[in-house]
mmCIF file of all heavy atoms, coordinates in Angstrom:
data_MODEL
# 
_entry.id   MODEL 
# 
loop_
_atom_site.group_PDB 
_atom_site.id 
_atom_site.type_symbol 
_atom_site.label_atom_id 
_atom_site.label_alt_id 
_atom_site.label_comp_id 
_atom_site.label_asym_id 
_atom_site.label_entity_id 
_atom_site.label_seq_id 
_atom_site.pdbx_PDB_ins_code 
_atom_site.Cartn_x 
_atom_site.Cartn_y 
_atom_site.Cartn_z 
_atom_site.occupancy 
_atom_site.B_iso_or_equiv 
_atom_site.pdbx_formal_charge 
_atom_site.auth_seq_id 
_atom_site.auth_comp_id 
_atom_site.auth_asym_id 
_atom_site.auth_atom_id 
_atom_site.pdbx_PDB_model_num 
ATOM 1   N N   . LEU A 1 1  ? 5.547  9.260  -5.318  1.00 0.00 ? 1  LEU A N   1 
ATOM 2   C CA  . LEU A 1 1  ? 5.489  7.917  -4.745  1.00 0.00 ? 1  LEU A CA  1 
ATOM 3   C C   . LEU A 1 1  ? 4.247  7.762  -3.864  1.00 0.00 ? 1  LEU A C   1 
ATOM 4   O O   . LEU A 1 1  ? 3.606  6.711  -3.887  1.00 0.00 ? 1  LEU A O   1 
ATOM 5   C CB  . LEU A 1 1  ? 6.759  7.636  -3.941  1.00 0.00 ? 1  LEU A CB  1 
ATOM 6   C CG  . LEU A 1 1  ? 8.015  7.338  -4.748  1.00 0.00 ? 1  LEU A CG  1 
ATOM 7   C CD1 . LEU A 1 1  ? 9.226  7.261  -3.831  1.00 0.00 ? 1  LEU A CD1 1 
ATOM 8   C CD2 . LEU A 1 1  ? 7.877  6.057  -5.542  1.00 0.00 ? 1  LEU A CD2 1 
ATOM 9   N N   . ASP A 1 2  ? 3.917  8.785  -3.096  1.00 0.00 ? 2  ASP A N   1 
ATOM 10  C CA  . ASP A 1 2  ? 2.728  8.719  -2.225  1.00 0.00 ? 2  ASP A CA  1 
ATOM 11  C C   . ASP A 1 2  ? 1.447  8.609  -3.074  1.00 0.00 ? 2  ASP A C   1 
ATOM 12  O O   . ASP A 1 2  ? 0.530  7.885  -2.675  1.00 0.00 ? 2  ASP A O   1 
ATOM 13  C CB  . ASP A 1 2  ? 2.638  9.954  -1.331  1.00 0.00 ? 2  ASP A CB  1 
ATOM 14  C CG  . ASP A 1 2  ? 3.706  9.922  -0.227  1.00 0.00 ? 2  ASP A CG  1 
ATOM 15  O OD1 . ASP A 1 2  ? 4.274  8.866  0.027   1.00 0.00 ? 2  ASP A OD1 1 
ATOM 16  O OD2 . ASP A 1 2  ? 3.936  10.988 0.380   1.00 0.00 ? 2  ASP A OD2 1 
ATOM 17  N N   . VAL A 1 3  ? 1.408  9.329  -4.192  1.00 0.00 ? 3  VAL A N   1 
ATOM 18  C CA  . VAL A 1 3  ? 0.249  9.237  -5.074  1.00 0.00 ? 3  VAL A CA  1 
ATOM 19  C C   . VAL A 1 3  ? 0.066  7.810  -5.575  1.00 0.00 ? 3  VAL A C   1 
ATOM 20  O O   . VAL A 1 3  ? -1.060 7.279  -5.593  1.00 0.00 ? 3  VAL A O   1 
ATOM 21  C CB  . VAL A 1 3  ? 0.405  10.221 -6.272  1.00 0.00 ? 3  VAL A CB  1 
ATOM 22  C CG1 . VAL A 1 3  ? -0.615 9.902  -7.356  1.00 0.00 ? 3  VAL A CG1 1 
ATOM 23  C CG2 . VAL A 1 3  ? 0.270  11.647 -5.808  1.00 0.00 ? 3  VAL A CG2 1 
ATOM 24  N N   . GLN A 1 4  ? 1.170  7.170  -5.933  1.00 0.00 ? 4  GLN A N   1 
ATOM 25  C CA  . GLN A 1 4  ? 1.092  5.801  -6.419  1.00 0.00 ? 4  GLN A CA  1 
ATOM 26  C C   . GLN A 1 4  ? 0.751  4.817  -5.301  1.00 0.00 ? 4  GLN A C   1 
ATOM 27  O O   . GLN A 1 4  ? -0.140 3.984  -5.441  1.00 0.00 ? 4  GLN A O   1 
ATOM 28  C CB  . GLN A 1 4  ? 2.419  5.392  -7.068  1.00 0.00 ? 4  GLN A CB  1 
ATOM 29  C CG  . GLN A 1 4  ? 2.411  3.969  -7.581  1.00 0.00 ? 4  GLN A CG  1 
ATOM 30  C CD  . GLN A 1 4  ? 3.793  3.316  -7.558  1.00 0.00 ? 4  GLN A CD  1 
ATOM 31  O OE1 . GLN A 1 4  ? 4.693  3.798  -6.893  1.00 0.00 ? 4  GLN A OE1 1 
ATOM 32  N NE2 . GLN A 1 4  ? 3.941  2.244  -8.306  1.00 0.00 ? 4  GLN A NE2 1 
ATOM 33  N N   . GLU A 1 5  ? 1.463  4.938  -4.180  1.00 0.00 ? 5  GLU A N   1 
ATOM 34  C CA  . GLU A 1 5  ? 1.361  3.918  -3.120  1.00 0.00 ? 5  GLU A CA  1 
ATOM 35  C C   . GLU A 1 5  ? 0.130  4.107  -2.240  1.00 0.00 ? 5  GLU A C   1 
ATOM 36  O O   . GLU A 1 5  ? -0.558 3.153  -1.894  1.00 0.00 ? 5  GLU A O   1 
ATOM 37  C CB  . GLU A 1 5  ? 2.630  3.946  -2.281  1.00 0.00 ? 5  GLU A CB  1 
ATOM 38  C CG  . GLU A 1 5  ? 3.883  3.531  -3.066  1.00 0.00 ? 5  GLU A CG  1 
ATOM 39  C CD  . GLU A 1 5  ? 5.154  3.796  -2.306  1.00 0.00 ? 5  GLU A CD  1 
ATOM 40  O OE1 . GLU A 1 5  ? 5.069  4.304  -1.152  1.00 0.00 ? 5  GLU A OE1 1 
ATOM 41  O OE2 . GLU A 1 5  ? 6.246  3.523  -2.862  1.00 0.00 ? 5  GLU A OE2 1 
ATOM 42  N N   . GLU A 1 6  ? -0.147 5.352  -1.842  1.00 0.00 ? 6  GLU A N   1 
ATOM 43  C CA  . GLU A 1 6  ? -1.229 5.597  -0.890  1.00 0.00 ? 6  GLU A CA  1 
ATOM 44  C C   . GLU A 1 6  ? -2.580 5.794  -1.554  1.00 0.00 ? 6  GLU A C   1 
ATOM 45  O O   . GLU A 1 6  ? -3.600 5.398  -1.025  1.00 0.00 ? 6  GLU A O   1 
ATOM 46  C CB  . GLU A 1 6  ? -0.892 6.820  -0.012  1.00 0.00 ? 6  GLU A CB  1 
ATOM 47  C CG  . GLU A 1 6  ? 0.340  6.642  0.854   1.00 0.00 ? 6  GLU A CG  1 
ATOM 48  C CD  . GLU A 1 6  ? 0.588  7.826  1.770   1.00 0.00 ? 6  GLU A CD  1 
ATOM 49  O OE1 . GLU A 1 6  ? -0.377 8.608  2.004   1.00 0.00 ? 6  GLU A OE1 1 
ATOM 50  O OE2 . GLU A 1 6  ? 1.718  8.010  2.203   1.00 0.00 ? 6  GLU A OE2 1 
ATOM 51  N N   . ARG A 1 7  ? -2.584 6.406  -2.756  1.00 0.00 ? 7  ARG A N   1 
ATOM 52  C CA  . ARG A 1 7  ? -3.851 6.664  -3.427  1.00 0.00 ? 7  ARG A CA  1 
ATOM 53  C C   . ARG A 1 7  ? -4.122 5.641  -4.538  1.00 0.00 ? 7  ARG A C   1 
ATOM 54  O O   . ARG A 1 7  ? -5.209 5.673  -5.129  1.00 0.00 ? 7  ARG A O   1 
ATOM 55  C CB  . ARG A 1 7  ? -3.864 8.074  -4.003  1.00 0.00 ? 7  ARG A CB  1 
ATOM 56  C CG  . ARG A 1 7  ? -3.661 9.153  -2.946  1.00 0.00 ? 7  ARG A CG  1 
ATOM 57  C CD  . ARG A 1 7  ? -3.818 10.565 -3.523  1.00 0.00 ? 7  ARG A CD  1 
ATOM 58  N NE  . ARG A 1 7  ? -5.195 10.908 -3.767  1.00 0.00 ? 7  ARG A NE  1 
ATOM 59  C CZ  . ARG A 1 7  ? -6.010 11.440 -2.874  1.00 0.00 ? 7  ARG A CZ  1 
ATOM 60  N NH1 . ARG A 1 7  ? -5.579 11.681 -1.635  1.00 0.00 ? 7  ARG A NH1 1 
ATOM 61  N NH2 . ARG A 1 7  ? -7.268 11.732 -3.173  1.00 0.00 ? 7  ARG A NH2 1 
ATOM 62  N N   . GLY A 1 8  ? -3.153 4.760  -4.817  1.00 0.00 ? 8  GLY A N   1 
ATOM 63  C CA  . GLY A 1 8  ? -3.387 3.706  -5.789  1.00 0.00 ? 8  GLY A CA  1 
ATOM 64  C C   . GLY A 1 8  ? -3.537 4.162  -7.204  1.00 0.00 ? 8  GLY A C   1 
ATOM 65  O O   . GLY A 1 8  ? -4.197 3.524  -8.008  1.00 0.00 ? 8  GLY A O   1 
ATOM 66  N N   . VAL A 1 9  ? -2.902 5.283  -7.534  1.00 0.00 ? 9  VAL A N   1 
ATOM 67  C CA  . VAL A 1 9  ? -3.005 5.851  -8.888  1.00 0.00 ? 9  VAL A CA  1 
ATOM 68  C C   . VAL A 1 9  ? -1.851 5.331  -9.748  1.00 0.00 ? 9  VAL A C   1 
ATOM 69  O O   . VAL A 1 9  ? -0.696 5.300  -9.296  1.00 0.00 ? 9  VAL A O   1 
ATOM 70  C CB  . VAL A 1 9  ? -2.964 7.410  -8.843  1.00 0.00 ? 9  VAL A CB  1 
ATOM 71  C CG1 . VAL A 1 9  ? -3.010 7.980  -10.260 1.00 0.00 ? 9  VAL A CG1 1 
ATOM 72  C CG2 . VAL A 1 9  ? -4.125 7.941  -8.002  1.00 0.00 ? 9  VAL A CG2 1 
ATOM 73  N N   . THR A 1 10 ? -2.149 4.928  -10.953 1.00 0.00 ? 10 THR A N   1 
ATOM 74  C CA  . THR A 1 10 ? -1.128 4.535  -11.917 1.00 0.00 ? 10 THR A CA  1 
ATOM 75  C C   . THR A 1 10 ? -0.488 5.795  -12.445 1.00 0.00 ? 10 THR A C   1 
ATOM 76  O O   . THR A 1 10 ? -1.186 6.760  -12.834 1.00 0.00 ? 10 THR A O   1 
ATOM 77  C CB  . THR A 1 10 ? -1.751 3.742  -13.076 1.00 0.00 ? 10 THR A CB  1 
ATOM 78  O OG1 . THR A 1 10 ? -2.402 2.597  -12.557 1.00 0.00 ? 10 THR A OG1 1 
ATOM 79  C CG2 . THR A 1 10 ? -0.694 3.316  -14.071 1.00 0.00 ? 10 THR A CG2 1 
ATOM 80  N N   . VAL A 1 11 ? 0.858  5.849  -12.454 1.00 0.00 ? 11 VAL A N   1 
ATOM 81  C CA  . VAL A 1 11 ? 1.573  7.084  -12.819 1.00 0.00 ? 11 VAL A CA  1 
ATOM 82  C C   . VAL A 1 11 ? 2.480  6.833  -14.014 1.00 0.00 ? 11 VAL A C   1 
ATOM 83  O O   . VAL A 1 11 ? 3.213  5.854  -14.062 1.00 0.00 ? 11 VAL A O   1 
ATOM 84  C CB  . VAL A 1 11 ? 2.406  7.606  -11.633 1.00 0.00 ? 11 VAL A CB  1 
ATOM 85  C CG1 . VAL A 1 11 ? 3.151  8.885  -12.015 1.00 0.00 ? 11 VAL A CG1 1 
ATOM 86  C CG2 . VAL A 1 11 ? 1.512  7.850  -10.393 1.00 0.00 ? 11 VAL A CG2 1 
ATOM 87  N N   . VAL A 1 12 ? 2.412  7.766  -14.979 1.00 0.00 ? 12 VAL A N   1 
ATOM 88  C CA  . VAL A 1 12 ? 3.368  7.800  -16.086 1.00 0.00 ? 12 VAL A CA  1 
ATOM 89  C C   . VAL A 1 12 ? 4.086  9.132  -15.995 1.00 0.00 ? 12 VAL A C   1 
ATOM 90  O O   . VAL A 1 12 ? 3.429  10.193 -16.053 1.00 0.00 ? 12 VAL A O   1 
ATOM 91  C CB  . VAL A 1 12 ? 2.695  7.650  -17.456 1.00 0.00 ? 12 VAL A CB  1 
ATOM 92  C CG1 . VAL A 1 12 ? 3.755  7.703  -18.572 1.00 0.00 ? 12 VAL A CG1 1 
ATOM 93  C CG2 . VAL A 1 12 ? 1.903  6.352  -17.528 1.00 0.00 ? 12 VAL A CG2 1 
ATOM 94  N N   . VAL A 1 13 ? 5.391  9.116  -15.842 1.00 0.00 ? 13 VAL A N   1 
ATOM 95  C CA  . VAL A 1 13 ? 6.141  10.347 -15.605 1.00 0.00 ? 13 VAL A CA  1 
ATOM 96  C C   . VAL A 1 13 ? 7.248  10.518 -16.633 1.00 0.00 ? 13 VAL A C   1 
ATOM 97  O O   . VAL A 1 13 ? 7.919  9.560  -17.002 1.00 0.00 ? 13 VAL A O   1 
ATOM 98  C CB  . VAL A 1 13 ? 6.739  10.380 -14.171 1.00 0.00 ? 13 VAL A CB  1 
ATOM 99  C CG1 . VAL A 1 13 ? 7.671  9.200  -13.937 1.00 0.00 ? 13 VAL A CG1 1 
ATOM 100 C CG2 . VAL A 1 13 ? 7.428  11.694 -13.882 1.00 0.00 ? 13 VAL A CG2 1 
ATOM 101 N N   . ILE A 1 14 ? 7.406  11.765 -17.103 1.00 0.00 ? 14 ILE A N   1 
ATOM 102 C CA  . ILE A 1 14 ? 8.546  12.154 -17.925 1.00 0.00 ? 14 ILE A CA  1 
ATOM 103 C C   . ILE A 1 14 ? 9.410  13.042 -17.067 1.00 0.00 ? 14 ILE A C   1 
ATOM 104 O O   . ILE A 1 14 ? 8.941  13.954 -16.389 1.00 0.00 ? 14 ILE A O   1 
ATOM 105 C CB  . ILE A 1 14 ? 8.085  12.966 -19.172 1.00 0.00 ? 14 ILE A CB  1 
ATOM 106 C CG1 . ILE A 1 14 ? 7.249  12.086 -20.115 1.00 0.00 ? 14 ILE A CG1 1 
ATOM 107 C CG2 . ILE A 1 14 ? 9.270  13.556 -19.894 1.00 0.00 ? 14 ILE A CG2 1 
ATOM 108 C CD1 . ILE A 1 14 ? 6.638  12.887 -21.246 1.00 0.00 ? 14 ILE A CD1 1 
ATOM 109 N N   . ASP A 1 15 ? 10.721 12.784 -17.084 1.00 0.00 ? 15 ASP A N   1 
ATOM 110 C CA  . ASP A 1 15 ? 11.616 13.687 -16.358 1.00 0.00 ? 15 ASP A CA  1 
ATOM 111 C C   . ASP A 1 15 ? 13.036 13.523 -16.915 1.00 0.00 ? 15 ASP A C   1 
ATOM 112 O O   . ASP A 1 15 ? 13.449 12.427 -17.275 1.00 0.00 ? 15 ASP A O   1 
ATOM 113 C CB  . ASP A 1 15 ? 11.610 13.366 -14.843 1.00 0.00 ? 15 ASP A CB  1 
ATOM 114 C CG  . ASP A 1 15 ? 11.923 14.600 -14.014 1.00 0.00 ? 15 ASP A CG  1 
ATOM 115 O OD1 . ASP A 1 15 ? 13.065 15.081 -14.058 1.00 0.00 ? 15 ASP A OD1 1 
ATOM 116 O OD2 . ASP A 1 15 ? 10.999 15.102 -13.333 1.00 0.00 ? 15 ASP A OD2 1 
ATOM 117 N N   . HIS A 1 16 ? 13.734 14.650 -16.952 1.00 0.00 ? 16 HIS A N   1 
ATOM 118 C CA  . HIS A 1 16 ? 15.133 14.627 -17.440 1.00 0.00 ? 16 HIS A CA  1 
ATOM 119 C C   . HIS A 1 16 ? 16.127 14.337 -16.336 1.00 0.00 ? 16 HIS A C   1 
ATOM 120 O O   . HIS A 1 16 ? 17.299 14.112 -16.629 1.00 0.00 ? 16 HIS A O   1 
ATOM 121 C CB  . HIS A 1 16 ? 15.457 15.973 -18.099 1.00 0.00 ? 16 HIS A CB  1 
ATOM 122 C CG  . HIS A 1 16 ? 15.028 16.061 -19.535 1.00 0.00 ? 16 HIS A CG  1 
ATOM 123 N ND1 . HIS A 1 16 ? 13.904 16.770 -19.941 1.00 0.00 ? 16 HIS A ND1 1 
ATOM 124 C CD2 . HIS A 1 16 ? 15.543 15.509 -20.667 1.00 0.00 ? 16 HIS A CD2 1 
ATOM 125 C CE1 . HIS A 1 16 ? 13.764 16.664 -21.249 1.00 0.00 ? 16 HIS A CE1 1 
ATOM 126 N NE2 . HIS A 1 16 ? 14.750 15.892 -21.714 1.00 0.00 ? 16 HIS A NE2 1 
ATOM 127 N N   . ASP A 1 17 ? 15.661 14.382 -15.083 1.00 0.00 ? 17 ASP A N   1 
ATOM 128 C CA  . ASP A 1 17 ? 16.562 14.043 -13.978 1.00 0.00 ? 17 ASP A CA  1 
ATOM 129 C C   . ASP A 1 17 ? 16.625 12.543 -13.830 1.00 0.00 ? 17 ASP A C   1 
ATOM 130 O O   . ASP A 1 17 ? 15.736 11.910 -13.243 1.00 0.00 ? 17 ASP A O   1 
ATOM 131 C CB  . ASP A 1 17 ? 16.072 14.709 -12.680 1.00 0.00 ? 17 ASP A CB  1 
ATOM 132 C CG  . ASP A 1 17 ? 17.113 14.660 -11.569 1.00 0.00 ? 17 ASP A CG  1 
ATOM 133 O OD1 . ASP A 1 17 ? 17.697 13.583 -11.377 1.00 0.00 ? 17 ASP A OD1 1 
ATOM 134 O OD2 . ASP A 1 17 ? 17.307 15.676 -10.885 1.00 0.00 ? 17 ASP A OD2 1 
ATOM 135 N N   . ILE A 1 18 ? 17.662 11.956 -14.368 1.00 0.00 ? 18 ILE A N   1 
ATOM 136 C CA  . ILE A 1 18 ? 17.772 10.497 -14.416 1.00 0.00 ? 18 ILE A CA  1 
ATOM 137 C C   . ILE A 1 18 ? 17.833 9.914  -13.009 1.00 0.00 ? 18 ILE A C   1 
ATOM 138 O O   . ILE A 1 18 ? 17.299 8.820  -12.751 1.00 0.00 ? 18 ILE A O   1 
ATOM 139 C CB  . ILE A 1 18 ? 19.010 10.064 -15.224 1.00 0.00 ? 18 ILE A CB  1 
ATOM 140 C CG1 . ILE A 1 18 ? 18.883 10.570 -16.676 1.00 0.00 ? 18 ILE A CG1 1 
ATOM 141 C CG2 . ILE A 1 18 ? 19.154 8.558  -15.222 1.00 0.00 ? 18 ILE A CG2 1 
ATOM 142 C CD1 . ILE A 1 18 ? 17.645 10.078 -17.384 1.00 0.00 ? 18 ILE A CD1 1 
ATOM 143 N N   . ASP A 1 19 ? 18.459 10.621 -12.076 1.00 0.00 ? 19 ASP A N   1 
ATOM 144 C CA  . ASP A 1 19 ? 18.562 10.107 -10.695 1.00 0.00 ? 19 ASP A CA  1 
ATOM 145 C C   . ASP A 1 19 ? 17.159 9.964  -10.096 1.00 0.00 ? 19 ASP A C   1 
ATOM 146 O O   . ASP A 1 19 ? 16.865 8.966  -9.425  1.00 0.00 ? 19 ASP A O   1 
ATOM 147 C CB  . ASP A 1 19 ? 19.423 11.043 -9.841  1.00 0.00 ? 19 ASP A CB  1 
ATOM 148 C CG  . ASP A 1 19 ? 20.889 10.984 -10.216 1.00 0.00 ? 19 ASP A CG  1 
ATOM 149 O OD1 . ASP A 1 19 ? 21.312 9.957  -10.780 1.00 0.00 ? 19 ASP A OD1 1 
ATOM 150 O OD2 . ASP A 1 19 ? 21.591 11.987 -9.994  1.00 0.00 ? 19 ASP A OD2 1 
ATOM 151 N N   . VAL A 1 20 ? 16.309 10.962 -10.306 1.00 0.00 ? 20 VAL A N   1 
ATOM 152 C CA  . VAL A 1 20 ? 14.924 10.905 -9.786  1.00 0.00 ? 20 VAL A CA  1 
ATOM 153 C C   . VAL A 1 20 ? 14.184 9.740  -10.436 1.00 0.00 ? 20 VAL A C   1 
ATOM 154 O O   . VAL A 1 20 ? 13.537 8.941  -9.761  1.00 0.00 ? 20 VAL A O   1 
ATOM 155 C CB  . VAL A 1 20 ? 14.190 12.229 -10.049 1.00 0.00 ? 20 VAL A CB  1 
ATOM 156 C CG1 . VAL A 1 20 ? 12.692 12.080 -9.741  1.00 0.00 ? 20 VAL A CG1 1 
ATOM 157 C CG2 . VAL A 1 20 ? 14.783 13.359 -9.211  1.00 0.00 ? 20 VAL A CG2 1 
ATOM 158 N N   . VAL A 1 21 ? 14.291 9.633  -11.762 1.00 0.00 ? 21 VAL A N   1 
ATOM 159 C CA  . VAL A 1 21 ? 13.587 8.580  -12.503 1.00 0.00 ? 21 VAL A CA  1 
ATOM 160 C C   . VAL A 1 21 ? 13.994 7.199  -12.008 1.00 0.00 ? 21 VAL A C   1 
ATOM 161 O O   . VAL A 1 21 ? 13.154 6.327  -11.730 1.00 0.00 ? 21 VAL A O   1 
ATOM 162 C CB  . VAL A 1 21 ? 13.867 8.717  -14.001 1.00 0.00 ? 21 VAL A CB  1 
ATOM 163 C CG1 . VAL A 1 21 ? 13.412 7.452  -14.760 1.00 0.00 ? 21 VAL A CG1 1 
ATOM 164 C CG2 . VAL A 1 21 ? 13.153 9.940  -14.573 1.00 0.00 ? 21 VAL A CG2 1 
ATOM 165 N N   . MET A 1 22 ? 15.285 6.981  -11.869 1.00 0.00 ? 22 MET A N   1 
ATOM 166 C CA  . MET A 1 22 ? 15.779 5.667  -11.483 1.00 0.00 ? 22 MET A CA  1 
ATOM 167 C C   . MET A 1 22 ? 15.407 5.321  -10.024 1.00 0.00 ? 22 MET A C   1 
ATOM 168 O O   . MET A 1 22 ? 15.249 4.148  -9.676  1.00 0.00 ? 22 MET A O   1 
ATOM 169 C CB  . MET A 1 22 ? 17.299 5.590  -11.665 1.00 0.00 ? 22 MET A CB  1 
ATOM 170 C CG  . MET A 1 22 ? 17.742 5.730  -13.111 1.00 0.00 ? 22 MET A CG  1 
ATOM 171 S SD  . MET A 1 22 ? 16.990 4.460  -14.202 1.00 0.00 ? 22 MET A SD  1 
ATOM 172 C CE  . MET A 1 22 ? 17.665 4.946  -15.790 1.00 0.00 ? 22 MET A CE  1 
ATOM 173 N N   . ASP A 1 23 ? 15.241 6.323  -9.186  1.00 0.00 ? 23 ASP A N   1 
ATOM 174 C CA  . ASP A 1 23 ? 14.916 6.094  -7.789  1.00 0.00 ? 23 ASP A CA  1 
ATOM 175 C C   . ASP A 1 23 ? 13.444 5.715  -7.581  1.00 0.00 ? 23 ASP A C   1 
ATOM 176 O O   . ASP A 1 23 ? 13.123 4.938  -6.689  1.00 0.00 ? 23 ASP A O   1 
ATOM 177 C CB  . ASP A 1 23 ? 15.214 7.331  -6.938  1.00 0.00 ? 23 ASP A CB  1 
ATOM 178 C CG  . ASP A 1 23 ? 16.712 7.468  -6.650  1.00 0.00 ? 23 ASP A CG  1 
ATOM 179 O OD1 . ASP A 1 23 ? 17.453 6.483  -6.850  1.00 0.00 ? 23 ASP A OD1 1 
ATOM 180 O OD2 . ASP A 1 23 ? 17.139 8.565  -6.243  1.00 0.00 ? 23 ASP A OD2 1 
ATOM 181 N N   . ILE A 1 24 ? 12.539 6.270  -8.394  1.00 0.00 ? 24 ILE A N   1 
ATOM 182 C CA  . ILE A 1 24 ? 11.125 6.117  -8.090  1.00 0.00 ? 24 ILE A CA  1 
ATOM 183 C C   . ILE A 1 24 ? 10.385 5.168  -9.034  1.00 0.00 ? 24 ILE A C   1 
ATOM 184 O O   . ILE A 1 24 ? 9.277  4.721  -8.709  1.00 0.00 ? 24 ILE A O   1 
ATOM 185 C CB  . ILE A 1 24 ? 10.389 7.478  -8.101  1.00 0.00 ? 24 ILE A CB  1 
ATOM 186 C CG1 . ILE A 1 24 ? 10.332 8.075  -9.516  1.00 0.00 ? 24 ILE A CG1 1 
ATOM 187 C CG2 . ILE A 1 24 ? 11.044 8.445  -7.136  1.00 0.00 ? 24 ILE A CG2 1 
ATOM 188 C CD1 . ILE A 1 24 ? 9.523  9.378  -9.607  1.00 0.00 ? 24 ILE A CD1 1 
ATOM 189 N N   . SER A 1 25 ? 10.956 4.822  -10.171 1.00 0.00 ? 25 SER A N   1 
ATOM 190 C CA  . SER A 1 25 ? 10.213 4.088  -11.195 1.00 0.00 ? 25 SER A CA  1 
ATOM 191 C C   . SER A 1 25 ? 10.222 2.578  -10.959 1.00 0.00 ? 25 SER A C   1 
ATOM 192 O O   . SER A 1 25 ? 11.226 2.012  -10.515 1.00 0.00 ? 25 SER A O   1 
ATOM 193 C CB  . SER A 1 25 ? 10.789 4.378  -12.581 1.00 0.00 ? 25 SER A CB  1 
ATOM 194 O OG  . SER A 1 25 ? 10.770 5.767  -12.860 1.00 0.00 ? 25 SER A OG  1 
ATOM 195 N N   . ASP A 1 26 ? 9.117  1.933  -11.329 1.00 0.00 ? 26 ASP A N   1 
ATOM 196 C CA  . ASP A 1 26 ? 9.059  0.490  -11.379 1.00 0.00 ? 26 ASP A CA  1 
ATOM 197 C C   . ASP A 1 26 ? 9.636  -0.004 -12.728 1.00 0.00 ? 26 ASP A C   1 
ATOM 198 O O   . ASP A 1 26 ? 10.267 -1.063 -12.775 1.00 0.00 ? 26 ASP A O   1 
ATOM 199 C CB  . ASP A 1 26 ? 7.624  -0.011 -11.260 1.00 0.00 ? 26 ASP A CB  1 
ATOM 200 C CG  . ASP A 1 26 ? 6.981  0.385  -9.938  1.00 0.00 ? 26 ASP A CG  1 
ATOM 201 O OD1 . ASP A 1 26 ? 7.643  0.235  -8.903  1.00 0.00 ? 26 ASP A OD1 1 
ATOM 202 O OD2 . ASP A 1 26 ? 5.837  0.857  -9.950  1.00 0.00 ? 26 ASP A OD2 1 
ATOM 203 N N   . ARG A 1 27 ? 9.380  0.764  -13.766 1.00 0.00 ? 27 ARG A N   1 
ATOM 204 C CA  . ARG A 1 27 ? 9.787  0.373  -15.111 1.00 0.00 ? 27 ARG A CA  1 
ATOM 205 C C   . ARG A 1 27 ? 10.088 1.640  -15.897 1.00 0.00 ? 27 ARG A C   1 
ATOM 206 O O   . ARG A 1 27 ? 9.484  2.702  -15.656 1.00 0.00 ? 27 ARG A O   1 
ATOM 207 C CB  . ARG A 1 27 ? 8.653  -0.424 -15.778 1.00 0.00 ? 27 ARG A CB  1 
ATOM 208 C CG  . ARG A 1 27 ? 9.016  -1.117 -17.060 1.00 0.00 ? 27 ARG A CG  1 
ATOM 209 C CD  . ARG A 1 27 ? 8.004  -2.224 -17.385 1.00 0.00 ? 27 ARG A CD  1 
ATOM 210 N NE  . ARG A 1 27 ? 6.626  -1.734 -17.374 1.00 0.00 ? 27 ARG A NE  1 
ATOM 211 C CZ  . ARG A 1 27 ? 5.992  -1.325 -18.448 1.00 0.00 ? 27 ARG A CZ  1 
ATOM 212 N NH1 . ARG A 1 27 ? 6.582  -1.358 -19.648 1.00 0.00 ? 27 ARG A NH1 1 
ATOM 213 N NH2 . ARG A 1 27 ? 4.729  -0.914 -18.372 1.00 0.00 ? 27 ARG A NH2 1 
# 
């Protein structure tokens, strides 16, 4: 989240932890 918000980097993430994905993703 800090990479996205503070450094302004667009992030594409793959993860099997659905709780993590749902907490941090915009889409």
